[in-house]
Protein backbone atom coordinates (compact mmCIF):
# COMPACT_ATOMS: atom_id res chain seq x y z
CA UNK A 1 90.92 33.57 142.05
CA UNK A 2 87.98 35.81 142.83
CA UNK A 3 87.82 38.15 145.79
CA UNK A 4 84.88 36.11 147.10
CA UNK A 5 86.95 32.94 147.57
CA UNK A 6 86.72 31.64 151.13
CA UNK A 7 90.04 31.61 152.99
CA UNK A 8 91.28 28.88 155.35
CA UNK A 9 94.51 29.40 157.30
CA UNK A 10 96.97 26.58 157.90
CA UNK A 11 99.59 27.01 160.58
CA UNK A 12 102.14 24.45 159.40
CA UNK A 13 104.99 24.01 161.87
CA UNK A 14 107.91 21.75 160.98
CA UNK A 15 111.08 20.83 162.81
CA UNK A 16 113.20 23.37 160.93
CA UNK A 17 110.70 26.01 159.83
CA UNK A 18 107.15 27.18 160.24
CA UNK A 19 104.67 29.14 158.21
CA UNK A 20 101.17 30.46 157.99
CA UNK A 21 99.57 29.60 154.65
CA UNK A 22 96.25 30.76 153.23
CA UNK A 23 94.15 28.36 151.20
CA UNK A 24 91.75 30.20 148.88
CA UNK A 25 88.92 27.91 147.79
CA UNK A 26 86.74 29.03 144.92
CA UNK A 27 84.43 26.23 143.85
CA UNK A 28 86.62 23.41 142.50
CA UNK A 29 89.85 25.39 142.60
CA UNK A 30 92.25 25.73 145.51
CA UNK A 31 95.11 28.22 145.55
CA UNK A 32 97.77 28.51 148.25
CA UNK A 33 99.39 31.77 149.26
CA UNK A 34 102.27 32.11 151.69
CA UNK A 35 101.49 34.64 154.40
CA UNK A 36 104.36 34.36 156.85
CA UNK A 37 107.42 32.15 157.31
CA UNK A 38 109.85 31.70 160.18
CA UNK A 39 112.75 29.51 161.22
CA UNK A 40 112.33 26.82 163.84
CA UNK A 41 114.61 24.41 165.65
CA UNK A 42 115.76 23.04 168.95
CA UNK A 43 117.41 25.18 171.61
CA UNK A 44 120.17 23.59 173.71
CA UNK A 45 120.05 24.76 177.33
CA UNK A 46 121.56 23.08 180.39
CA UNK A 47 122.51 20.12 178.17
CA UNK A 48 118.85 19.59 177.26
CA UNK A 49 117.25 20.16 173.87
CA UNK A 50 113.97 22.10 174.00
CA UNK A 51 111.48 23.80 171.73
CA UNK A 52 111.00 27.53 172.30
CA UNK A 53 107.22 27.40 172.52
CA UNK A 54 106.72 31.09 173.28
CA UNK A 55 108.85 32.16 170.31
CA UNK A 56 106.83 29.81 168.10
CA UNK A 57 103.58 31.25 169.48
CA UNK A 58 104.79 34.79 168.83
CA UNK A 59 105.55 33.88 165.21
CA UNK A 60 102.10 32.32 164.83
CA UNK A 61 100.47 35.51 166.11
CA UNK A 62 102.51 37.58 163.65
CA UNK A 63 101.40 35.29 160.83
CA UNK A 64 97.75 35.55 161.84
CA UNK A 65 98.01 39.35 162.00
CA UNK A 66 99.45 39.39 158.49
CA UNK A 67 96.63 37.14 157.28
CA UNK A 68 93.96 39.35 158.86
CA UNK A 69 95.46 42.40 157.18
CA UNK A 70 95.47 40.68 153.79
CA UNK A 71 92.17 38.77 153.74
CA UNK A 72 89.95 40.41 156.37
CA UNK A 73 86.54 38.86 156.89
CA UNK A 74 87.02 36.30 154.11
CA UNK A 75 88.88 34.10 156.62
CA UNK A 76 86.65 31.25 157.84
CA UNK A 77 88.92 29.22 160.10
CA UNK A 78 92.44 28.29 161.17
CA UNK A 79 94.06 24.99 162.12
CA UNK A 80 97.53 23.90 163.26
CA UNK A 81 99.63 20.90 162.26
CA UNK A 82 103.11 19.96 163.55
CA UNK A 83 105.40 16.97 163.94
CA UNK A 84 104.33 14.19 166.31
CA UNK A 85 105.48 12.68 169.64
CA UNK A 86 106.42 15.91 171.48
CA UNK A 87 104.20 17.46 174.13
CA UNK A 88 103.79 20.03 176.88
CA UNK A 89 102.45 19.60 180.39
CA UNK A 90 99.99 21.90 182.15
CA UNK A 91 99.50 22.27 185.90
CA UNK A 92 96.07 22.18 187.55
CA UNK A 93 95.73 25.94 186.94
CA UNK A 94 96.64 25.47 183.24
CA UNK A 95 100.11 26.97 183.70
CA UNK A 96 102.63 25.59 181.20
CA UNK A 97 105.28 23.56 183.02
CA UNK A 98 108.45 24.49 181.15
CA UNK A 99 109.40 24.49 177.50
CA UNK A 100 108.57 21.19 175.76
CA UNK A 101 111.48 18.85 175.08
CA UNK A 102 112.71 18.22 171.54
CA UNK A 103 112.36 14.63 170.33
CA UNK A 104 116.11 14.51 169.62
CA UNK A 105 117.00 15.22 173.25
CA UNK A 106 119.17 12.39 174.52
CA UNK A 107 117.30 11.72 177.75
CA UNK A 108 115.46 8.87 176.03
CA UNK A 109 118.63 6.95 175.10
CA UNK A 110 118.27 3.44 176.54
CA UNK A 111 114.67 4.01 177.61
CA UNK A 112 113.22 1.34 175.32
CA UNK A 113 115.28 -1.35 177.04
CA UNK A 114 114.24 0.03 180.43
CA UNK A 115 110.62 -0.10 179.29
CA UNK A 116 110.93 -3.69 178.03
CA UNK A 117 112.20 -4.77 181.45
CA UNK A 118 108.78 -3.73 182.82
CA UNK A 119 106.47 -4.53 179.90
CA UNK A 120 107.58 -6.74 177.01
CA UNK A 121 108.09 -5.37 173.53
CA UNK A 122 105.44 -7.77 172.25
CA UNK A 123 102.86 -6.59 174.78
CA UNK A 124 103.54 -2.91 174.03
CA UNK A 125 103.07 -3.52 170.31
CA UNK A 126 99.93 -5.58 170.82
CA UNK A 127 98.49 -2.75 172.90
CA UNK A 128 99.48 0.12 170.59
CA UNK A 129 100.38 -1.18 167.12
CA UNK A 130 103.10 1.48 166.95
CA UNK A 131 106.66 1.27 165.70
CA UNK A 132 109.43 1.39 168.28
CA UNK A 133 111.53 4.56 168.35
CA UNK A 134 113.28 6.02 171.37
CA UNK A 135 111.79 9.42 170.58
CA UNK A 136 108.19 8.21 171.07
CA UNK A 137 106.18 10.03 173.72
CA UNK A 138 105.99 6.91 175.89
CA UNK A 139 109.77 6.79 176.35
CA UNK A 140 109.96 10.52 176.96
CA UNK A 141 107.48 10.14 179.82
CA UNK A 142 109.25 7.03 181.18
CA UNK A 143 112.50 9.03 181.20
CA UNK A 144 110.78 11.74 183.22
CA UNK A 145 109.46 9.17 185.70
CA UNK A 146 112.83 7.43 186.11
CA UNK A 147 114.55 10.80 186.56
CA UNK A 148 111.98 11.79 189.20
CA UNK A 149 110.89 14.84 187.24
CA UNK A 150 108.84 17.19 189.42
CA UNK A 151 107.07 18.36 186.25
CA UNK A 152 105.41 14.98 185.85
CA UNK A 153 104.18 15.04 189.44
CA UNK A 154 102.77 18.56 188.99
CA UNK A 155 101.12 17.86 185.63
CA UNK A 156 97.34 17.63 185.25
CA UNK A 157 97.13 17.78 181.45
CA UNK A 158 99.27 16.57 178.56
CA UNK A 159 98.85 18.37 175.25
CA UNK A 160 100.75 17.41 172.13
CA UNK A 161 102.45 20.32 170.36
CA UNK A 162 99.53 21.13 167.99
CA UNK A 163 97.12 20.65 170.89
CA UNK A 164 99.07 23.29 172.82
CA UNK A 165 98.64 25.81 170.03
CA UNK A 166 94.95 25.00 169.61
CA UNK A 167 94.57 25.55 173.37
CA UNK A 168 96.43 28.86 173.15
CA UNK A 169 94.10 29.87 170.32
CA UNK A 170 90.82 28.83 171.92
CA UNK A 171 91.27 27.87 175.57
CA UNK A 172 89.96 24.38 174.72
CA UNK A 173 92.08 21.44 175.87
CA UNK A 174 91.81 18.24 173.85
CA UNK A 175 93.99 15.61 172.19
CA UNK A 176 93.56 15.42 168.42
CA UNK A 177 93.35 11.83 167.18
CA UNK A 178 96.12 11.67 164.54
CA UNK A 179 98.75 13.18 166.83
CA UNK A 180 97.59 11.17 169.85
CA UNK A 181 98.21 8.05 167.80
CA UNK A 182 101.96 8.82 167.62
CA UNK A 183 102.48 8.53 171.39
CA UNK A 184 102.70 4.71 171.75
CA UNK A 185 100.05 4.71 174.43
CA UNK A 186 97.03 4.99 172.15
CA UNK A 187 95.24 1.73 171.32
CA UNK A 188 94.12 1.75 167.64
CA UNK A 189 91.76 -1.20 168.14
CA UNK A 190 89.83 0.16 171.14
CA UNK A 191 90.33 3.71 169.82
CA UNK A 192 91.23 5.00 173.27
CA UNK A 193 94.21 5.74 175.50
CA UNK A 194 95.96 2.66 176.86
CA UNK A 195 95.55 3.45 180.54
CA UNK A 196 96.79 -0.08 181.22
CA UNK A 197 100.22 0.81 179.86
CA UNK A 198 100.25 4.07 181.78
CA UNK A 199 99.55 2.29 185.02
CA UNK A 200 102.22 -0.37 184.37
CA UNK A 201 104.80 2.38 183.94
CA UNK A 202 103.57 4.35 186.97
CA UNK A 203 102.49 7.28 184.81
CA UNK A 204 99.59 9.54 185.86
CA UNK A 205 96.46 8.76 183.84
CA UNK A 206 95.00 12.12 184.90
CA UNK A 207 97.05 13.84 182.19
CA UNK A 208 95.23 11.99 179.37
CA UNK A 209 92.51 14.13 177.85
CA UNK A 210 89.61 13.71 175.47
CA UNK A 211 90.56 12.39 172.02
CA UNK A 212 88.82 14.26 169.19
CA UNK A 213 88.74 13.73 165.45
CA UNK A 214 90.06 15.90 162.59
CA UNK A 215 87.30 18.19 161.38
CA UNK A 216 86.16 19.00 164.92
CA UNK A 217 85.22 22.67 165.30
CA UNK A 218 86.79 23.84 168.55
CA UNK A 219 85.05 27.20 168.47
CA UNK A 220 86.01 30.85 168.27
CA UNK A 221 89.40 32.35 169.02
CA UNK A 222 90.02 33.59 172.55
CA UNK A 223 88.93 37.22 172.78
CA UNK A 224 92.51 38.32 173.51
CA UNK A 225 93.83 36.44 170.46
CA UNK A 226 91.12 37.87 168.21
CA UNK A 227 91.97 41.38 169.41
CA UNK A 228 95.72 40.80 169.09
CA UNK A 229 95.51 39.46 165.54
CA UNK A 230 92.51 41.34 164.14
CA UNK A 231 90.78 38.07 163.21
CA UNK A 232 87.03 38.48 163.64
CA UNK A 233 84.47 35.68 163.56
CA UNK A 234 87.17 33.08 162.85
CA UNK A 235 86.78 29.52 164.09
CA UNK A 236 89.50 27.04 165.01
CA UNK A 237 89.04 23.71 163.23
CA UNK A 238 91.19 20.65 163.84
CA UNK A 239 93.00 19.36 160.76
CA UNK A 240 94.93 16.12 160.85
CA UNK A 241 97.21 17.88 163.30
CA UNK A 242 100.04 15.40 162.84
CA UNK A 243 101.66 16.81 159.73
CA UNK A 244 101.87 13.45 158.00
CA UNK A 245 98.13 12.94 158.42
CA UNK A 246 97.53 16.25 156.66
CA UNK A 247 100.09 15.37 153.99
CA UNK A 248 98.42 12.02 153.28
CA UNK A 249 95.05 13.73 152.96
CA UNK A 250 96.58 15.76 150.11
CA UNK A 251 97.54 12.66 148.09
CA UNK A 252 95.60 13.04 144.81
CA UNK A 253 94.59 9.37 144.69
CA UNK A 254 91.31 8.29 143.15
CA UNK A 255 90.72 5.00 144.97
CA UNK A 256 89.22 4.89 148.46
CA UNK A 257 91.01 3.43 151.51
CA UNK A 258 91.16 -0.35 151.16
CA UNK A 259 92.53 -3.43 152.92
CA UNK A 260 94.13 -4.19 149.53
CA UNK A 261 95.44 -0.75 148.50
CA UNK A 262 96.88 -0.33 145.02
CA UNK A 263 98.89 2.79 145.92
CA UNK A 264 101.21 3.85 148.68
CA UNK A 265 102.58 7.21 149.71
CA UNK A 266 105.83 8.80 150.76
CA UNK A 267 105.57 12.06 152.64
CA UNK A 268 109.04 13.32 151.83
CA UNK A 269 110.86 15.89 153.93
CA UNK A 270 113.24 15.74 156.88
CA UNK A 271 111.64 12.36 157.45
CA UNK A 272 110.23 10.10 154.77
CA UNK A 273 107.00 8.56 155.99
CA UNK A 274 106.14 5.67 153.70
CA UNK A 275 102.99 3.63 153.96
CA UNK A 276 99.47 2.77 152.88
CA UNK A 277 96.08 4.16 153.84
CA UNK A 278 93.90 1.39 155.23
CA UNK A 279 90.43 1.38 156.81
CA UNK A 280 91.61 -0.47 159.92
CA UNK A 281 94.86 -1.14 161.83
CA UNK A 282 97.14 -4.11 161.14
CA UNK A 283 98.38 -5.37 164.50
CA UNK A 284 100.14 -8.71 164.12
CA UNK A 285 103.57 -10.34 164.48
CA UNK A 286 104.56 -9.53 160.90
CA UNK A 287 103.78 -5.85 161.39
CA UNK A 288 105.77 -5.88 164.63
CA UNK A 289 108.76 -7.62 163.05
CA UNK A 290 108.84 -4.97 160.29
CA UNK A 291 108.61 -2.28 163.00
CA UNK A 292 105.70 -0.68 161.15
CA UNK A 293 103.25 1.64 162.80
CA UNK A 294 99.48 2.12 162.84
CA UNK A 295 98.87 5.84 163.14
CA UNK A 296 95.61 7.70 162.83
CA UNK A 297 94.52 9.23 159.55
CA UNK A 298 91.78 11.63 158.54
CA UNK A 299 88.33 10.16 158.24
CA UNK A 300 89.12 7.56 160.89
CA UNK A 301 91.55 5.71 158.61
CA UNK A 302 94.85 4.12 159.57
CA UNK A 303 98.21 5.20 158.27
CA UNK A 304 100.08 1.89 158.09
CA UNK A 305 103.58 3.26 157.68
CA UNK A 306 107.24 3.27 158.53
CA UNK A 307 109.49 6.20 159.41
CA UNK A 308 112.58 6.54 157.23
CA UNK A 309 115.40 9.01 157.87
CA UNK A 310 114.48 11.04 154.77
CA UNK A 311 116.29 14.19 153.69
CA UNK A 312 117.69 14.69 157.21
CA UNK A 313 121.02 13.21 156.07
CA UNK A 314 121.36 15.70 153.20
CA UNK A 315 120.16 18.62 155.31
CA UNK A 316 122.90 17.89 157.82
CA UNK A 317 125.53 17.51 155.08
CA UNK A 318 124.52 20.89 153.68
CA UNK A 319 124.71 22.46 157.15
CA UNK A 320 128.23 21.13 157.75
CA UNK A 321 129.44 22.25 154.32
CA UNK A 322 127.91 25.70 154.78
CA UNK A 323 129.61 26.14 158.17
CA UNK A 324 132.90 25.23 156.49
CA UNK A 325 132.36 28.03 153.92
CA UNK A 326 131.25 25.71 151.11
CA UNK A 327 127.72 27.01 150.58
CA UNK A 328 125.73 24.97 148.07
CA UNK A 329 122.13 25.23 146.95
CA UNK A 330 120.01 22.11 146.72
CA UNK A 331 120.31 22.31 142.93
CA UNK A 332 124.10 22.45 143.24
CA UNK A 333 124.07 19.33 145.39
CA UNK A 334 121.87 17.43 142.91
CA UNK A 335 124.02 18.48 139.93
CA UNK A 336 127.15 17.25 141.67
CA UNK A 337 125.43 13.98 142.50
CA UNK A 338 124.36 13.50 138.88
CA UNK A 339 127.98 13.90 137.81
CA UNK A 340 129.14 11.17 140.21
CA UNK A 341 129.39 7.47 139.39
CA UNK A 342 126.19 5.61 140.29
CA UNK A 343 125.70 2.85 142.86
CA UNK A 344 129.25 2.77 144.20
CA UNK A 345 128.78 3.00 147.97
CA UNK A 346 125.64 2.70 150.07
CA UNK A 347 124.55 3.48 153.61
CA UNK A 348 121.65 2.41 155.75
CA UNK A 349 120.05 5.83 156.27
CA UNK A 350 118.23 4.56 159.38
CA UNK A 351 121.40 3.34 161.12
CA UNK A 352 122.18 4.93 164.48
CA UNK A 353 125.34 6.41 162.89
CA UNK A 354 123.18 9.03 161.17
CA UNK A 355 120.74 9.93 163.93
CA UNK A 356 122.59 13.03 165.16
CA UNK A 357 126.30 13.05 164.27
CA UNK A 358 128.29 16.27 164.57
CA UNK A 359 129.65 15.85 161.04
CA UNK A 360 127.26 14.02 158.71
CA UNK A 361 129.59 13.83 155.65
CA UNK A 362 132.30 12.31 157.84
CA UNK A 363 129.77 9.89 159.34
CA UNK A 364 128.88 8.74 155.82
CA UNK A 365 132.52 8.29 154.85
CA UNK A 366 133.28 6.41 158.07
CA UNK A 367 130.27 4.14 157.61
CA UNK A 368 131.31 3.27 154.05
CA UNK A 369 134.90 2.56 155.07
CA UNK A 370 133.76 0.52 158.04
CA UNK A 371 131.54 -1.66 155.85
CA UNK A 372 134.26 -2.36 153.28
CA UNK A 373 133.08 0.15 150.67
CA UNK A 374 134.92 3.06 149.04
CA UNK A 375 134.50 6.24 151.05
CA UNK A 376 132.83 8.93 148.89
CA UNK A 377 135.64 11.17 147.68
CA UNK A 378 133.79 14.47 147.28
CA UNK A 379 130.51 16.24 147.99
CA UNK A 380 128.81 14.91 144.85
CA UNK A 381 129.66 11.32 145.75
CA UNK A 382 128.37 11.86 149.30
CA UNK A 383 125.07 13.23 148.01
CA UNK A 384 124.68 10.44 145.44
CA UNK A 385 125.40 7.82 148.09
CA UNK A 386 122.73 9.30 150.38
CA UNK A 387 120.07 9.62 147.65
CA UNK A 388 120.61 6.14 146.22
CA UNK A 389 120.51 4.64 149.69
CA UNK A 390 117.25 6.41 150.43
CA UNK A 391 115.72 5.10 147.18
CA UNK A 392 116.79 1.56 148.10
CA UNK A 393 115.26 1.99 151.54
CA UNK A 394 112.02 2.90 149.75
CA UNK A 395 112.25 -0.38 147.83
CA UNK A 396 112.72 -2.35 151.03
CA UNK A 397 109.77 -0.68 152.75
CA UNK A 398 107.61 -1.13 149.64
CA UNK A 399 108.16 -4.87 149.94
CA UNK A 400 107.04 -4.73 153.56
CA UNK A 401 103.89 -2.79 152.65
CA UNK A 402 102.97 -5.35 150.01
CA UNK A 403 103.56 -8.21 152.46
CA UNK A 404 101.36 -6.59 155.13
CA UNK A 405 98.50 -5.71 152.77
CA UNK A 406 98.74 -8.71 150.45
CA UNK A 407 98.37 -6.38 147.48
CA UNK A 408 100.73 -5.19 144.76
CA UNK A 409 101.38 -1.47 144.76
CA UNK A 410 100.88 0.02 141.31
CA UNK A 411 101.74 3.66 142.05
CA UNK A 412 103.93 5.40 144.62
CA UNK A 413 102.65 8.88 145.44
CA UNK A 414 105.37 11.18 146.75
CA UNK A 415 104.19 14.39 148.37
CA UNK A 416 105.94 17.19 150.22
CA UNK A 417 109.17 19.10 149.77
CA UNK A 418 111.12 16.07 148.58
CA UNK A 419 109.11 16.06 145.34
CA UNK A 420 111.30 18.96 144.19
CA UNK A 421 114.31 16.62 144.11
CA UNK A 422 113.71 15.19 140.66
CA UNK A 423 116.79 12.98 140.87
CA UNK A 424 115.49 11.26 144.00
CA UNK A 425 112.05 10.79 142.43
CA UNK A 426 113.56 9.09 139.38
CA UNK A 427 115.80 6.98 141.60
CA UNK A 428 112.72 5.88 143.54
CA UNK A 429 110.97 4.86 140.31
CA UNK A 430 114.02 2.88 139.15
CA UNK A 431 114.87 1.30 142.50
CA UNK A 432 111.25 0.25 143.17
CA UNK A 433 110.40 -0.46 139.51
CA UNK A 434 107.11 1.37 139.97
CA UNK A 435 105.49 4.48 138.55
CA UNK A 436 106.06 7.46 140.82
CA UNK A 437 103.61 10.36 140.90
CA UNK A 438 105.22 13.34 142.62
CA UNK A 439 103.17 16.20 144.01
CA UNK A 440 101.77 18.32 145.39
CA UNK A 441 104.77 19.97 147.02
CA UNK A 442 102.83 21.79 149.75
CA UNK A 443 100.95 18.67 150.78
CA UNK A 444 100.79 19.29 154.52
CA UNK A 445 99.34 22.79 154.23
CA UNK A 446 96.94 21.62 151.51
CA UNK A 447 95.66 18.74 153.64
CA UNK A 448 95.28 21.06 156.63
CA UNK A 449 93.28 23.58 154.60
CA UNK A 450 91.07 20.98 152.94
CA UNK A 451 90.13 19.32 156.23
CA UNK A 452 88.89 22.72 157.36
CA UNK A 453 86.98 23.08 154.09
CA UNK A 454 85.29 19.72 154.66
CA UNK A 455 84.31 20.79 158.19
CA UNK A 456 82.95 24.06 156.81
CA UNK A 457 80.86 22.22 154.21
CA UNK A 458 82.66 23.85 151.30
CA UNK A 459 83.70 20.36 150.16
CA UNK A 460 81.42 17.38 150.64
CA UNK A 461 83.94 14.72 151.65
CA UNK A 462 87.61 13.77 151.89
CA UNK A 463 87.29 11.95 148.56
CA UNK A 464 85.95 15.11 146.93
CA UNK A 465 88.70 17.13 148.59
CA UNK A 466 91.26 14.89 146.89
CA UNK A 467 89.55 15.48 143.57
CA UNK A 468 89.85 19.24 144.10
CA UNK A 469 93.51 18.84 145.02
CA UNK A 470 94.15 16.80 141.88
CA UNK A 471 92.53 19.48 139.73
CA UNK A 472 94.33 22.35 141.47
CA UNK A 473 97.99 21.33 141.64
CA UNK A 474 100.35 19.85 139.04
CA UNK A 475 102.11 16.51 139.50
CA UNK A 476 105.12 14.96 137.80
CA UNK A 477 105.14 11.34 136.66
CA UNK A 478 108.31 9.22 136.71
CA UNK A 479 108.37 5.86 134.95
CA UNK A 480 111.12 3.31 135.67
CA UNK A 481 113.93 3.81 133.15
CA UNK A 482 116.83 1.63 134.29
CA UNK A 483 115.61 -0.67 137.06
CA UNK A 484 118.02 -3.57 136.45
CA UNK A 485 121.25 -2.11 137.92
CA UNK A 486 119.34 -1.49 141.15
CA UNK A 487 118.80 -5.23 141.71
CA UNK A 488 122.49 -5.87 142.43
CA UNK A 489 122.68 -2.74 144.54
CA UNK A 490 119.65 -3.86 146.50
CA UNK A 491 121.34 -7.15 147.39
CA UNK A 492 124.24 -5.13 148.86
CA UNK A 493 121.83 -2.83 150.64
CA UNK A 494 119.98 -5.76 152.24
CA UNK A 495 123.24 -6.97 153.78
CA UNK A 496 123.88 -3.55 155.31
CA UNK A 497 120.42 -3.38 156.86
CA UNK A 498 120.55 -7.00 158.09
CA UNK A 499 123.45 -6.00 160.34
CA UNK A 500 120.92 -4.10 162.48
CA UNK A 501 118.64 -5.91 164.93
CA UNK A 502 115.40 -4.37 163.57
CA UNK A 503 114.06 -3.56 160.12
């Protein structure tokens, strides 16, 4: 990569870690370089789970300083992506009203039922096209209203987490489209906030700001931020600020968004977000019954998808084993799983049992025993059970995607950190009986960077950006090898999932 390559900075903040990544674009070649990494996570205080926004901001500043020292005036712009649903509130004088809550805080337990007693489930879906999860922004705000939170009464602006950081960088308050679409009070048909829902739930519409699209140039850094970091003449450009939107942009697919898509994606990490990229939302009874969601994508597309528990189950197993003195690498866990007998016991990874247990391995064993299956006897069996169950969940959701789009999926693109788990990728190919194309690993940062490059005019379009991504990063292809044994396992898996009230 030449010293003249233009540099775009992605601040990529996940639920367990964050980083500042530099994307160096030289013609048709993109290279990523890690600049700064830091740990992230919820902080329990007064029995409430919060994000430490100021600590996160301090880390971002350190990362930007490091980038300025390394790349100097080659840096063109910076953009931030994070998880969805969480938010901060600002008072009329733009003072931050407390640390934002973490989506796993338990104040939303039971809030969906409370909401449905005011507005029916069907009406909420018809208005928003979004899947129902207690962690959605709507239920967080309803919890605040029902608990008479003084913060809600004092609030004049609501900024989602990436919006907060873009505001801290520039002083500009706005709500980026892809993240706004995760709230369950955005209407994907009218392409505007559902003020009707807000009013029905006695929520203040004054906090809803202007919705802006990925690729919007917010302007220069605040003078104080530029001085603090050493970044000169650097713009802030909105990526798909919901991390999945950026990850989907990095899918190296050749075909354009279609009502009859021939590929689907899995953004694989703590969560697995599985869906199709369509030009318009799908808001109907079938979509509602599958509990699918219509979230915003780059280029005004729709991410027709479903949230799946993802690698959260394995991350928690590893944490519990490490605390007990049994420290294993991810490779160790996969090797032990490979040595275990296949397709013995299964779990529904999206069951409430696995949302936030204190001891995930014990939760898995208890679930298996409680459903008449052998409890996994050792760590390898636990890992194998979790991975096989996740692959079968992919198969189930694939069937839903094909029903909703009326098209057969030919290829499953897996992007993100989960692509490094080769065993899971092969299991997905076998369970779904489809070709799996895995990569790139750093999809979220890549999508963030390339949206900035499109805004800068360095790349002509999102389609061309995907071509550059395909030429710049390797992928691994997994063909189905032994799909037949998964058919019997899938029948068992369907029975487990049917015991829950929703899909």
